[in-house]
Amino acid sequence: MRVQLQAQSLRIRLQEDEFAQLRAGETVENRSALPHGHVAVQRVRAGEDAQPDWRLDGDAWVLIVPRTMLDAYAERLPTRDGLSLRFDTPDGHALDVLFDVDVRDSARARLPKR
């Protein structure tokens, strides 16, 4: 999983195998060791609710993407267009999240070999 964060924009890009794990009900995790014994953890998991959700789990943040959205997205792969999600924050600055699967990896996995 690749995570890019800049101000109120977050991009989460999975490889095809990670996306398959997510659709199979597993949690996909990115873990980065930081100085002084700290760890930054981001997780993505499939949810049963109709709307995406954002939660904290200890020191980790968790993005929950509805299974129905993941299934519909899988039907479109490979594609450069990801899922655009938006989460309101208490200070009024929404967090915009782009969730996608690496298009090159997806094409290698899904398209016929030449």
PDB file of N, CA and C in Angstrom:
ATOM      1  N   MET A   1       0.857  -1.173   0.000  1.00  0.00           N
ATOM      2  CA  MET A   1       0.000   0.000   0.000  1.00  0.00           C
ATOM      3  C   MET A   1       0.901   1.233   0.000  1.00  0.00           C
ATOM      4  N   ARG A   2       0.553   2.156  -0.850  1.00  0.00           N
ATOM      5  CA  ARG A   2       1.272   3.424  -0.928  1.00  0.00           C
ATOM      6  C   ARG A   2       0.353   4.515  -0.394  1.00  0.00           C
ATOM      7  N   VAL A   3       0.890   5.349   0.484  1.00  0.00           N
ATOM      8  CA  VAL A   3       0.113   6.412   1.109  1.00  0.00           C
ATOM      9  C   VAL A   3       0.786   7.744   0.809  1.00  0.00           C
ATOM     10  N   GLN A   4       0.009   8.686   0.274  1.00  0.00           N
ATOM     11  CA  GLN A   4       0.503  10.034   0.017  1.00  0.00           C
ATOM     12  C   GLN A   4      -0.440  11.014   0.710  1.00  0.00           C
ATOM     13  N   LEU A   5       0.128  11.874   1.544  1.00  0.00           N
ATOM     14  CA  LEU A   5      -0.670  12.842   2.289  1.00  0.00           C
ATOM     15  C   LEU A   5      -0.087  14.227   2.086  1.00  0.00           C
ATOM     16  N   GLN A   6      -0.947  15.156   1.657  1.00  0.00           N
ATOM     17  CA  GLN A   6      -0.547  16.546   1.532  1.00  0.00           C
ATOM     18  C   GLN A   6      -1.739  17.398   1.913  1.00  0.00           C
ATOM     19  N   ALA A   7      -1.572  18.169   2.986  1.00  0.00           N
ATOM     20  CA  ALA A   7      -2.646  19.013   3.513  1.00  0.00           C
ATOM     21  C   ALA A   7      -3.909  18.175   3.694  1.00  0.00           C
ATOM     22  N   GLN A   8      -4.989  18.517   3.026  1.00  0.00           N
ATOM     23  CA  GLN A   8      -6.268  17.810   3.188  1.00  0.00           C
ATOM     24  C   GLN A   8      -6.537  16.824   2.059  1.00  0.00           C
ATOM     25  N   SER A   9      -5.485  16.378   1.392  1.00  0.00           N
ATOM     26  CA  SER A   9      -5.619  15.387   0.321  1.00  0.00           C
ATOM     27  C   SER A   9      -4.814  14.148   0.678  1.00  0.00           C
ATOM     28  N   LEU A  10      -5.465  13.012   0.589  1.00  0.00           N
ATOM     29  CA  LEU A  10      -4.838  11.735   0.891  1.00  0.00           C
ATOM     30  C   LEU A  10      -5.070  10.792  -0.278  1.00  0.00           C
ATOM     31  N   ARG A  11      -4.012  10.125  -0.699  1.00  0.00           N
ATOM     32  CA  ARG A  11      -4.139   9.129  -1.760  1.00  0.00           C
ATOM     33  C   ARG A  11      -3.665   7.791  -1.207  1.00  0.00           C
ATOM     34  N   ILE A  12      -4.483   6.779  -1.412  1.00  0.00           N
ATOM     35  CA  ILE A  12      -4.142   5.419  -1.009  1.00  0.00           C
ATOM     36  C   ILE A  12      -4.171   4.561  -2.258  1.00  0.00           C
ATOM     37  N   ARG A  13      -3.028   3.996  -2.595  1.00  0.00           N
ATOM     38  CA  ARG A  13      -2.931   3.170  -3.802  1.00  0.00           C
ATOM     39  C   ARG A  13      -2.513   1.757  -3.392  1.00  0.00           C
ATOM     40  N   LEU A  14      -3.316   0.794  -3.824  1.00  0.00           N
ATOM     41  CA  LEU A  14      -3.025  -0.606  -3.552  1.00  0.00           C
ATOM     42  C   LEU A  14      -2.484  -1.289  -4.793  1.00  0.00           C
ATOM     43  N   GLN A  15      -1.735  -2.339  -4.586  1.00  0.00           N
ATOM     44  CA  GLN A  15      -1.355  -3.253  -5.649  1.00  0.00           C
ATOM     45  C   GLN A  15      -2.526  -4.216  -5.843  1.00  0.00           C
ATOM     46  N   GLU A  16      -2.549  -4.890  -6.958  1.00  0.00           N
ATOM     47  CA  GLU A  16      -3.646  -5.806  -7.276  1.00  0.00           C
ATOM     48  C   GLU A  16      -3.800  -6.900  -6.212  1.00  0.00           C
ATOM     49  N   ASP A  17      -2.690  -7.455  -5.717  1.00  0.00           N
ATOM     50  CA  ASP A  17      -2.788  -8.510  -4.700  1.00  0.00           C
ATOM     51  C   ASP A  17      -3.341  -7.975  -3.384  1.00  0.00           C
ATOM     52  N   GLU A  18      -3.004  -6.742  -3.034  1.00  0.00           N
ATOM     53  CA  GLU A  18      -3.556  -6.133  -1.820  1.00  0.00           C
ATOM     54  C   GLU A  18      -5.055  -5.887  -1.980  1.00  0.00           C
ATOM     55  N   PHE A  19      -5.456  -5.460  -3.179  1.00  0.00           N
ATOM     56  CA  PHE A  19      -6.883  -5.240  -3.442  1.00  0.00           C
ATOM     57  C   PHE A  19      -7.647  -6.555  -3.324  1.00  0.00           C
ATOM     58  N   ALA A  20      -7.070  -7.641  -3.810  1.00  0.00           N
ATOM     59  CA  ALA A  20      -7.700  -8.964  -3.685  1.00  0.00           C
ATOM     60  C   ALA A  20      -7.830  -9.358  -2.215  1.00  0.00           C
ATOM     61  N   GLN A  21      -6.813  -9.080  -1.417  1.00  0.00           N
ATOM     62  CA  GLN A  21      -6.879  -9.362   0.020  1.00  0.00           C
ATOM     63  C   GLN A  21      -7.996  -8.558   0.673  1.00  0.00           C
ATOM     64  N   LEU A  22      -8.093  -7.287   0.308  1.00  0.00           N
ATOM     65  CA  LEU A  22      -9.135  -6.417   0.850  1.00  0.00           C
ATOM     66  C   LEU A  22     -10.518  -6.953   0.518  1.00  0.00           C
ATOM     67  N   ARG A  23     -10.727  -7.344  -0.728  1.00  0.00           N
ATOM     68  CA  ARG A  23     -12.026  -7.876  -1.149  1.00  0.00           C
ATOM     69  C   ARG A  23     -12.327  -9.223  -0.507  1.00  0.00           C
ATOM     70  N   ALA A  24     -11.286  -9.939  -0.083  1.00  0.00           N
ATOM     71  CA  ALA A  24     -11.469 -11.232   0.586  1.00  0.00           C
ATOM     72  C   ALA A  24     -11.740 -11.070   2.081  1.00  0.00           C
ATOM     73  N   GLY A  25     -11.807  -9.812   2.539  1.00  0.00           N
ATOM     74  CA  GLY A  25     -12.137  -9.567   3.939  1.00  0.00           C
ATOM     75  C   GLY A  25     -10.951  -9.297   4.843  1.00  0.00           C
ATOM     76  N   GLU A  26      -9.755  -9.266   4.279  1.00  0.00           N
ATOM     77  CA  GLU A  26      -8.568  -8.983   5.077  1.00  0.00           C
ATOM     78  C   GLU A  26      -8.343  -7.477   5.175  1.00  0.00           C
ATOM     79  N   THR A  27      -7.656  -7.069   6.223  1.00  0.00           N
ATOM     80  CA  THR A  27      -7.257  -5.683   6.383  1.00  0.00           C
ATOM     81  C   THR A  27      -5.890  -5.498   5.740  1.00  0.00           C
ATOM     82  N   VAL A  28      -5.749  -4.442   4.952  1.00  0.00           N
ATOM     83  CA  VAL A  28      -4.468  -4.112   4.332  1.00  0.00           C
ATOM     84  C   VAL A  28      -3.839  -3.012   5.179  1.00  0.00           C
ATOM     85  N   GLU A  29      -2.551  -3.166   5.476  1.00  0.00           N
ATOM     86  CA  GLU A  29      -1.902  -2.252   6.411  1.00  0.00           C
ATOM     87  C   GLU A  29      -0.589  -1.726   5.858  1.00  0.00           C
ATOM     88  N   ASN A  30      -0.327  -0.467   6.130  1.00  0.00           N
ATOM     89  CA  ASN A  30       0.959   0.166   5.861  1.00  0.00           C
ATOM     90  C   ASN A  30       1.536   0.572   7.212  1.00  0.00           C
ATOM     91  N   ARG A  31       2.758   0.171   7.465  1.00  0.00           N
ATOM     92  CA  ARG A  31       3.393   0.458   8.754  1.00  0.00           C
ATOM     93  C   ARG A  31       4.768   1.054   8.491  1.00  0.00           C
ATOM     94  N   SER A  32       5.019   2.226   9.085  1.00  0.00           N
ATOM     95  CA  SER A  32       6.313   2.895   8.934  1.00  0.00           C
ATOM     96  C   SER A  32       6.918   3.135  10.307  1.00  0.00           C
ATOM     97  N   ALA A  33       8.127   2.616  10.518  1.00  0.00           N
ATOM     98  CA  ALA A  33       8.845   2.873  11.762  1.00  0.00           C
ATOM     99  C   ALA A  33       9.419   4.287  11.704  1.00  0.00           C
ATOM    100  N   LEU A  34       9.229   5.023  12.785  1.00  0.00           N
ATOM    101  CA  LEU A  34       9.687   6.405  12.866  1.00  0.00           C
ATOM    102  C   LEU A  34      10.719   6.543  13.984  1.00  0.00           C
ATOM    103  N   PRO A  35      11.427   7.653  14.021  1.00  0.00           N
ATOM    104  CA  PRO A  35      12.401   7.861  15.088  1.00  0.00           C
ATOM    105  C   PRO A  35      11.757   7.802  16.482  1.00  0.00           C
ATOM    106  N   HIS A  36      12.588   7.536  17.463  1.00  0.00           N
ATOM    107  CA  HIS A  36      12.196   7.521  18.877  1.00  0.00           C
ATOM    108  C   HIS A  36      11.161   6.450  19.191  1.00  0.00           C
ATOM    109  N   GLY A  37      11.144   5.379  18.409  1.00  0.00           N
ATOM    110  CA  GLY A  37      10.260   4.255  18.700  1.00  0.00           C
ATOM    111  C   GLY A  37       8.818   4.432  18.282  1.00  0.00           C
ATOM    112  N   HIS A  38       8.516   5.469  17.549  1.00  0.00           N
ATOM    113  CA  HIS A  38       7.142   5.689  17.087  1.00  0.00           C
ATOM    114  C   HIS A  38       6.878   4.895  15.810  1.00  0.00           C
ATOM    115  N   VAL A  39       5.615   4.618  15.575  1.00  0.00           N
ATOM    116  CA  VAL A  39       5.197   3.898  14.377  1.00  0.00           C
ATOM    117  C   VAL A  39       3.976   4.602  13.794  1.00  0.00           C
ATOM    118  N   ALA A  40       3.966   4.805  12.481  1.00  0.00           N
ATOM    119  CA  ALA A  40       2.794   5.344  11.786  1.00  0.00           C
ATOM    120  C   ALA A  40       2.111   4.171  11.093  1.00  0.00           C
ATOM    121  N   VAL A  41       0.818   4.001  11.364  1.00  0.00           N
ATOM    122  CA  VAL A  41       0.082   2.863  10.813  1.00  0.00           C
ATOM    123  C   VAL A  41      -1.183   3.363  10.131  1.00  0.00           C
ATOM    124  N   GLN A  42      -1.386   2.890   8.900  1.00  0.00           N
ATOM    125  CA  GLN A  42      -2.614   3.170   8.161  1.00  0.00           C
ATOM    126  C   GLN A  42      -3.193   1.826   7.737  1.00  0.00           C
ATOM    127  N   ARG A  43      -4.510   1.696   7.878  1.00  0.00           N
ATOM    128  CA  ARG A  43      -5.180   0.448   7.505  1.00  0.00           C
ATOM    129  C   ARG A  43      -6.371   0.752   6.601  1.00  0.00           C
ATOM    130  N   VAL A  44      -6.657  -0.194   5.709  1.00  0.00           N
ATOM    131  CA  VAL A  44      -7.861  -0.129   4.882  1.00  0.00           C
ATOM    132  C   VAL A  44      -8.562  -1.466   5.029  1.00  0.00           C
ATOM    133  N   ARG A  45      -9.879  -1.401   5.220  1.00  0.00           N
ATOM    134  CA  ARG A  45     -10.659  -2.636   5.273  1.00  0.00           C
ATOM    135  C   ARG A  45     -12.003  -2.423   4.603  1.00  0.00           C
ATOM    136  N   ALA A  46     -12.620  -3.526   4.202  1.00  0.00           N
ATOM    137  CA  ALA A  46     -13.950  -3.479   3.591  1.00  0.00           C
ATOM    138  C   ALA A  46     -14.987  -3.411   4.698  1.00  0.00           C
ATOM    139  N   GLY A  47     -16.067  -2.679   4.437  1.00  0.00           N
ATOM    140  CA  GLY A  47     -17.147  -2.566   5.412  1.00  0.00           C
ATOM    141  C   GLY A  47     -18.480  -2.940   4.801  1.00  0.00           C
ATOM    142  N   GLU A  48     -19.425  -3.200   5.657  1.00  0.00           N
ATOM    143  CA  GLU A  48     -20.761  -3.592   5.206  1.00  0.00           C
ATOM    144  C   GLU A  48     -21.724  -2.413   5.120  1.00  0.00           C
ATOM    145  N   ASP A  49     -21.369  -1.279   5.727  1.00  0.00           N
ATOM    146  CA  ASP A  49     -22.233  -0.100   5.654  1.00  0.00           C
ATOM    147  C   ASP A  49     -22.224   0.472   4.243  1.00  0.00           C
ATOM    148  N   ALA A  50     -23.221   1.294   3.943  1.00  0.00           N
ATOM    149  CA  ALA A  50     -23.345   1.872   2.601  1.00  0.00           C
ATOM    150  C   ALA A  50     -22.385   3.038   2.380  1.00  0.00           C
ATOM    151  N   GLN A  51     -21.917   3.652   3.460  1.00  0.00           N
ATOM    152  CA  GLN A  51     -21.051   4.823   3.346  1.00  0.00           C
ATOM    153  C   GLN A  51     -19.645   4.503   3.842  1.00  0.00           C
ATOM    154  N   PRO A  52     -18.632   5.119   3.243  1.00  0.00           N
ATOM    155  CA  PRO A  52     -17.273   4.942   3.752  1.00  0.00           C
ATOM    156  C   PRO A  52     -17.153   5.552   5.148  1.00  0.00           C
ATOM    157  N   ASP A  53     -16.152   5.115   5.886  1.00  0.00           N
ATOM    158  CA  ASP A  53     -15.962   5.615   7.247  1.00  0.00           C
ATOM    159  C   ASP A  53     -14.470   5.767   7.519  1.00  0.00           C
ATOM    160  N   TRP A  54     -14.177   6.578   8.506  1.00  0.00           N
ATOM    161  CA  TRP A  54     -12.811   6.862   8.930  1.00  0.00           C
ATOM    162  C   TRP A  54     -12.789   6.716  10.440  1.00  0.00           C
ATOM    163  N   ARG A  55     -11.887   5.892  10.959  1.00  0.00           N
ATOM    164  CA  ARG A  55     -11.831   5.657  12.409  1.00  0.00           C
ATOM    165  C   ARG A  55     -10.389   5.631  12.886  1.00  0.00           C
ATOM    166  N   LEU A  56     -10.243   5.824  14.175  1.00  0.00           N
ATOM    167  CA  LEU A  56      -8.952   5.630  14.822  1.00  0.00           C
ATOM    168  C   LEU A  56      -8.997   4.312  15.576  1.00  0.00           C
ATOM    169  N   ASP A  57      -7.899   3.573  15.520  1.00  0.00           N
ATOM    170  CA  ASP A  57      -7.757   2.314  16.245  1.00  0.00           C
ATOM    171  C   ASP A  57      -6.404   2.378  16.936  1.00  0.00           C
ATOM    172  N   GLY A  58      -6.395   2.848  18.176  1.00  0.00           N
ATOM    173  CA  GLY A  58      -5.126   3.101  18.856  1.00  0.00           C
ATOM    174  C   GLY A  58      -4.399   4.225  18.149  1.00  0.00           C
ATOM    175  N   ASP A  59      -3.173   3.962  17.730  1.00  0.00           N
ATOM    176  CA  ASP A  59      -2.386   4.966  17.009  1.00  0.00           C
ATOM    177  C   ASP A  59      -2.581   4.897  15.500  1.00  0.00           C
ATOM    178  N   ALA A  60      -3.372   3.957  15.034  1.00  0.00           N
ATOM    179  CA  ALA A  60      -3.578   3.777  13.592  1.00  0.00           C
ATOM    180  C   ALA A  60      -4.870   4.442  13.153  1.00  0.00           C
ATOM    181  N   TRP A  61      -4.872   4.936  11.916  1.00  0.00           N
ATOM    182  CA  TRP A  61      -6.151   5.338  11.342  1.00  0.00           C
ATOM    183  C   TRP A  61      -6.594   4.264  10.379  1.00  0.00           C
ATOM    184  N   VAL A  62      -7.924   4.124  10.284  1.00  0.00           N
ATOM    185  CA  VAL A  62      -8.512   3.054   9.487  1.00  0.00           C
ATOM    186  C   VAL A  62      -9.515   3.649   8.509  1.00  0.00           C
ATOM    187  N   LEU A  63      -9.318   3.373   7.230  1.00  0.00           N
ATOM    188  CA  LEU A  63     -10.277   3.747   6.194  1.00  0.00           C
ATOM    189  C   LEU A  63     -11.133   2.521   5.922  1.00  0.00           C
ATOM    190  N   ILE A  64     -12.445   2.686   6.018  1.00  0.00           N
ATOM    191  CA  ILE A  64     -13.378   1.591   5.767  1.00  0.00           C
ATOM    192  C   ILE A  64     -14.146   1.923   4.495  1.00  0.00           C
ATOM    193  N   VAL A  65     -13.958   1.085   3.480  1.00  0.00           N
ATOM    194  CA  VAL A  65     -14.601   1.293   2.186  1.00  0.00           C
ATOM    195  C   VAL A  65     -15.716   0.261   2.041  1.00  0.00           C
ATOM    196  N   PRO A  66     -16.938   0.710   1.731  1.00  0.00           N
ATOM    197  CA  PRO A  66     -18.045  -0.240   1.581  1.00  0.00           C
ATOM    198  C   PRO A  66     -17.739  -1.327   0.551  1.00  0.00           C
ATOM    199  N   ARG A  67     -18.078  -2.545   0.909  1.00  0.00           N
ATOM    200  CA  ARG A  67     -17.855  -3.687   0.017  1.00  0.00           C
ATOM    201  C   ARG A  67     -18.529  -3.464  -1.340  1.00  0.00           C
ATOM    202  N   THR A  68     -19.720  -2.841  -1.330  1.00  0.00           N
ATOM    203  CA  THR A  68     -20.418  -2.594  -2.598  1.00  0.00           C
ATOM    204  C   THR A  68     -19.609  -1.663  -3.499  1.00  0.00           C
ATOM    205  N   MET A  69     -18.945  -0.670  -2.913  1.00  0.00           N
ATOM    206  CA  MET A  69     -18.094   0.237  -3.694  1.00  0.00           C
ATOM    207  C   MET A  69     -16.879  -0.506  -4.239  1.00  0.00           C
ATOM    208  N   LEU A  70     -16.294  -1.369  -3.415  1.00  0.00           N
ATOM    209  CA  LEU A  70     -15.129  -2.138  -3.856  1.00  0.00           C
ATOM    210  C   LEU A  70     -15.493  -3.069  -5.006  1.00  0.00           C
ATOM    211  N   ASP A  71     -16.653  -3.722  -4.899  1.00  0.00           N
ATOM    212  CA  ASP A  71     -17.087  -4.646  -5.953  1.00  0.00           C
ATOM    213  C   ASP A  71     -17.348  -3.906  -7.264  1.00  0.00           C
ATOM    214  N   ALA A  72     -18.006  -2.750  -7.182  1.00  0.00           N
ATOM    215  CA  ALA A  72     -18.274  -1.961  -8.389  1.00  0.00           C
ATOM    216  C   ALA A  72     -16.965  -1.454  -9.001  1.00  0.00           C
ATOM    217  N   TYR A  73     -16.038  -1.045  -8.153  1.00  0.00           N
ATOM    218  CA  TYR A  73     -14.735  -0.578  -8.627  1.00  0.00           C
ATOM    219  C   TYR A  73     -13.971  -1.714  -9.309  1.00  0.00           C
ATOM    220  N   ALA A  74     -14.032  -2.907  -8.746  1.00  0.00           N
ATOM    221  CA  ALA A  74     -13.339  -4.069  -9.316  1.00  0.00           C
ATOM    222  C   ALA A  74     -13.823  -4.361 -10.732  1.00  0.00           C
ATOM    223  N   GLU A  75     -15.100  -4.119 -10.991  1.00  0.00           N
ATOM    224  CA  GLU A  75     -15.662  -4.356 -12.328  1.00  0.00           C
ATOM    225  C   GLU A  75     -15.067  -3.411 -13.370  1.00  0.00           C
ATOM    226  N   ARG A  76     -14.574  -2.254 -12.933  1.00  0.00           N
ATOM    227  CA  ARG A  76     -14.022  -1.252 -13.857  1.00  0.00           C
ATOM    228  C   ARG A  76     -12.518  -1.416 -14.095  1.00  0.00           C
ATOM    229  N   LEU A  77     -11.856  -2.208 -13.279  1.00  0.00           N
ATOM    230  CA  LEU A  77     -10.402  -2.349 -13.389  1.00  0.00           C
ATOM    231  C   LEU A  77     -10.001  -3.070 -14.665  1.00  0.00           C
ATOM    232  N   PRO A  78      -8.873  -2.729 -15.273  1.00  0.00           N
ATOM    233  CA  PRO A  78      -7.971  -1.655 -14.870  1.00  0.00           C
ATOM    234  C   PRO A  78      -8.491  -0.287 -15.319  1.00  0.00           C
ATOM    235  N   THR A  79      -8.327   0.691 -14.475  1.00  0.00           N
ATOM    236  CA  THR A  79      -8.747   2.058 -14.779  1.00  0.00           C
ATOM    237  C   THR A  79      -7.855   3.038 -14.030  1.00  0.00           C
ATOM    238  N   ARG A  80      -7.686   4.207 -14.607  1.00  0.00           N
ATOM    239  CA  ARG A  80      -6.942   5.271 -13.923  1.00  0.00           C
ATOM    240  C   ARG A  80      -7.825   6.004 -12.915  1.00  0.00           C
ATOM    241  N   ASP A  81      -9.125   5.836 -13.025  1.00  0.00           N
ATOM    242  CA  ASP A  81     -10.058   6.524 -12.134  1.00  0.00           C
ATOM    243  C   ASP A  81     -10.247   5.725 -10.854  1.00  0.00           C
ATOM    244  N   GLY A  82      -9.988   6.363  -9.735  1.00  0.00           N
ATOM    245  CA  GLY A  82     -10.156   5.710  -8.441  1.00  0.00           C
ATOM    246  C   GLY A  82     -11.475   6.101  -7.798  1.00  0.00           C
ATOM    247  N   LEU A  83     -11.614   5.731  -6.551  1.00  0.00           N
ATOM    248  CA  LEU A  83     -12.785   6.114  -5.764  1.00  0.00           C
ATOM    249  C   LEU A  83     -12.464   7.411  -5.035  1.00  0.00           C
ATOM    250  N   SER A  84     -13.292   8.415  -5.220  1.00  0.00           N
ATOM    251  CA  SER A  84     -13.112   9.692  -4.530  1.00  0.00           C
ATOM    252  C   SER A  84     -14.029   9.724  -3.320  1.00  0.00           C
ATOM    253  N   LEU A  85     -13.428   9.892  -2.157  1.00  0.00           N
ATOM    254  CA  LEU A  85     -14.169   9.909  -0.899  1.00  0.00           C
ATOM    255  C   LEU A  85     -13.908  11.232  -0.202  1.00  0.00           C
ATOM    256  N   ARG A  86     -14.857  11.668   0.604  1.00  0.00           N
ATOM    257  CA  ARG A  86     -14.700  12.929   1.333  1.00  0.00           C
ATOM    258  C   ARG A  86     -15.200  12.741   2.753  1.00  0.00           C
ATOM    259  N   PHE A  87     -14.399  13.233   3.692  1.00  0.00           N
ATOM    260  CA  PHE A  87     -14.752  13.148   5.102  1.00  0.00           C
ATOM    261  C   PHE A  87     -14.697  14.543   5.711  1.00  0.00           C
ATOM    262  N   ASP A  88     -15.789  14.948   6.349  1.00  0.00           N
ATOM    263  CA  ASP A  88     -15.827  16.244   7.021  1.00  0.00           C
ATOM    264  C   ASP A  88     -14.975  16.202   8.284  1.00  0.00           C
ATOM    265  N   THR A  89     -14.395  17.337   8.618  1.00  0.00           N
ATOM    266  CA  THR A  89     -13.609  17.459   9.843  1.00  0.00           C
ATOM    267  C   THR A  89     -14.251  18.517  10.731  1.00  0.00           C
ATOM    268  N   PRO A  90     -13.964  18.498  12.036  1.00  0.00           N
ATOM    269  CA  PRO A  90     -14.588  19.462  12.942  1.00  0.00           C
ATOM    270  C   PRO A  90     -14.298  20.920  12.596  1.00  0.00           C
ATOM    271  N   ASP A  91     -13.142  21.190  11.993  1.00  0.00           N
ATOM    272  CA  ASP A  91     -12.805  22.585  11.679  1.00  0.00           C
ATOM    273  C   ASP A  91     -13.321  23.034  10.317  1.00  0.00           C
ATOM    274  N   GLY A  92     -14.081  22.173   9.640  1.00  0.00           N
ATOM    275  CA  GLY A  92     -14.681  22.551   8.371  1.00  0.00           C
ATOM    276  C   GLY A  92     -13.826  22.290   7.146  1.00  0.00           C
ATOM    277  N   HIS A  93     -12.616  21.795   7.333  1.00  0.00           N
ATOM    278  CA  HIS A  93     -11.742  21.461   6.206  1.00  0.00           C
ATOM    279  C   HIS A  93     -11.883  19.973   5.917  1.00  0.00           C
ATOM    280  N   ALA A  94     -12.586  19.631   4.871  1.00  0.00           N
ATOM    281  CA  ALA A  94     -12.816  18.224   4.537  1.00  0.00           C
ATOM    282  C   ALA A  94     -11.504  17.544   4.157  1.00  0.00           C
ATOM    283  N   LEU A  95     -11.438  16.240   4.429  1.00  0.00           N
ATOM    284  CA  LEU A  95     -10.323  15.418   3.979  1.00  0.00           C
ATOM    285  C   LEU A  95     -10.772  14.694   2.720  1.00  0.00           C
ATOM    286  N   ASP A  96     -10.107  14.970   1.605  1.00  0.00           N
ATOM    287  CA  ASP A  96     -10.411  14.309   0.336  1.00  0.00           C
ATOM    288  C   ASP A  96      -9.488  13.108   0.178  1.00  0.00           C
ATOM    289  N   VAL A  97     -10.091  11.950  -0.043  1.00  0.00           N
ATOM    290  CA  VAL A  97      -9.335  10.705  -0.163  1.00  0.00           C
ATOM    291  C   VAL A  97      -9.535  10.135  -1.561  1.00  0.00           C
ATOM    292  N   LEU A  98      -8.436   9.819  -2.219  1.00  0.00           N
ATOM    293  CA  LEU A  98      -8.484   9.100  -3.487  1.00  0.00           C
ATOM    294  C   LEU A  98      -7.970   7.695  -3.217  1.00  0.00           C
ATOM    295  N   PHE A  99      -8.818   6.711  -3.450  1.00  0.00           N
ATOM    296  CA  PHE A  99      -8.465   5.301  -3.268  1.00  0.00           C
ATOM    297  C   PHE A  99      -8.376   4.674  -4.646  1.00  0.00           C
ATOM    298  N   ASP A 100      -7.237   4.065  -4.972  1.00  0.00           N
ATOM    299  CA  ASP A 100      -7.129   3.426  -6.279  1.00  0.00           C
ATOM    300  C   ASP A 100      -6.223   2.207  -6.238  1.00  0.00           C
ATOM    301  N   VAL A 101      -6.266   1.460  -7.330  1.00  0.00           N
ATOM    302  CA  VAL A 101      -5.400   0.306  -7.536  1.00  0.00           C
ATOM    303  C   VAL A 101      -4.438   0.683  -8.647  1.00  0.00           C
ATOM    304  N   ASP A 102      -3.167   0.387  -8.453  1.00  0.00           N
ATOM    305  CA  ASP A 102      -2.151   0.706  -9.450  1.00  0.00           C
ATOM    306  C   ASP A 102      -2.581   0.180 -10.814  1.00  0.00           C
ATOM    307  N   VAL A 103      -2.764   1.074 -11.777  1.00  0.00           N
ATOM    308  CA  VAL A 103      -3.328   0.698 -13.079  1.00  0.00           C
ATOM    309  C   VAL A 103      -2.401  -0.242 -13.851  1.00  0.00           C
ATOM    310  N   ARG A 104      -1.103  -0.037 -13.757  1.00  0.00           N
ATOM    311  CA  ARG A 104      -0.178  -0.930 -14.475  1.00  0.00           C
ATOM    312  C   ARG A 104      -0.205  -2.335 -13.885  1.00  0.00           C
ATOM    313  N   ASP A 105      -0.203  -2.411 -12.561  1.00  0.00           N
ATOM    314  CA  ASP A 105      -0.268  -3.712 -11.901  1.00  0.00           C
ATOM    315  C   ASP A 105      -1.589  -4.399 -12.214  1.00  0.00           C
ATOM    316  N   SER A 106      -2.662  -3.625 -12.221  1.00  0.00           N
ATOM    317  CA  SER A 106      -3.985  -4.168 -12.515  1.00  0.00           C
ATOM    318  C   SER A 106      -4.063  -4.673 -13.956  1.00  0.00           C
ATOM    319  N   ALA A 107      -3.501  -3.926 -14.885  1.00  0.00           N
ATOM    320  CA  ALA A 107      -3.516  -4.347 -16.291  1.00  0.00           C
ATOM    321  C   ALA A 107      -2.734  -5.644 -16.474  1.00  0.00           C
ATOM    322  N   ARG A 108      -1.583  -5.750 -15.809  1.00  0.00           N
ATOM    323  CA  ARG A 108      -0.796  -6.990 -15.897  1.00  0.00           C
ATOM    324  C   ARG A 108      -1.589  -8.180 -15.360  1.00  0.00           C
ATOM    325  N   ALA A 109      -2.336  -7.958 -14.289  1.00  0.00           N
ATOM    326  CA  ALA A 109      -3.067  -9.050 -13.650  1.00  0.00           C
ATOM    327  C   ALA A 109      -4.368  -9.397 -14.367  1.00  0.00           C
ATOM    328  N   ARG A 110      -5.015  -8.412 -14.993  1.00  0.00           N
ATOM    329  CA  ARG A 110      -6.364  -8.621 -15.505  1.00  0.00           C
ATOM    330  C   ARG A 110      -6.489  -8.742 -17.019  1.00  0.00           C
ATOM    331  N   LEU A 111      -5.580  -8.141 -17.757  1.00  0.00           N
ATOM    332  CA  LEU A 111      -5.699  -8.172 -19.215  1.00  0.00           C
ATOM    333  C   LEU A 111      -4.976  -9.386 -19.786  1.00  0.00           C
ATOM    334  N   PRO A 112      -5.456  -9.879 -20.938  1.00  0.00           N
ATOM    335  CA  PRO A 112      -4.798 -11.035 -21.563  1.00  0.00           C
ATOM    336  C   PRO A 112      -3.344 -10.724 -21.899  1.00  0.00           C
ATOM    337  N   LYS A 113      -2.513 -11.714 -21.760  1.00  0.00           N
ATOM    338  CA  LYS A 113      -1.092 -11.562 -22.098  1.00  0.00           C
ATOM    339  C   LYS A 113      -0.944 -11.550 -23.615  1.00  0.00           C
ATOM    340  N   ARG A 114      -0.026 -10.740 -24.116  1.00  0.00           N
ATOM    341  CA  ARG A 114       0.201 -10.650 -25.565  1.00  0.00           C
ATOM    342  C   ARG A 114       1.263 -11.618 -25.981  1.00  0.00           C
TER     343      ARG A 114
END
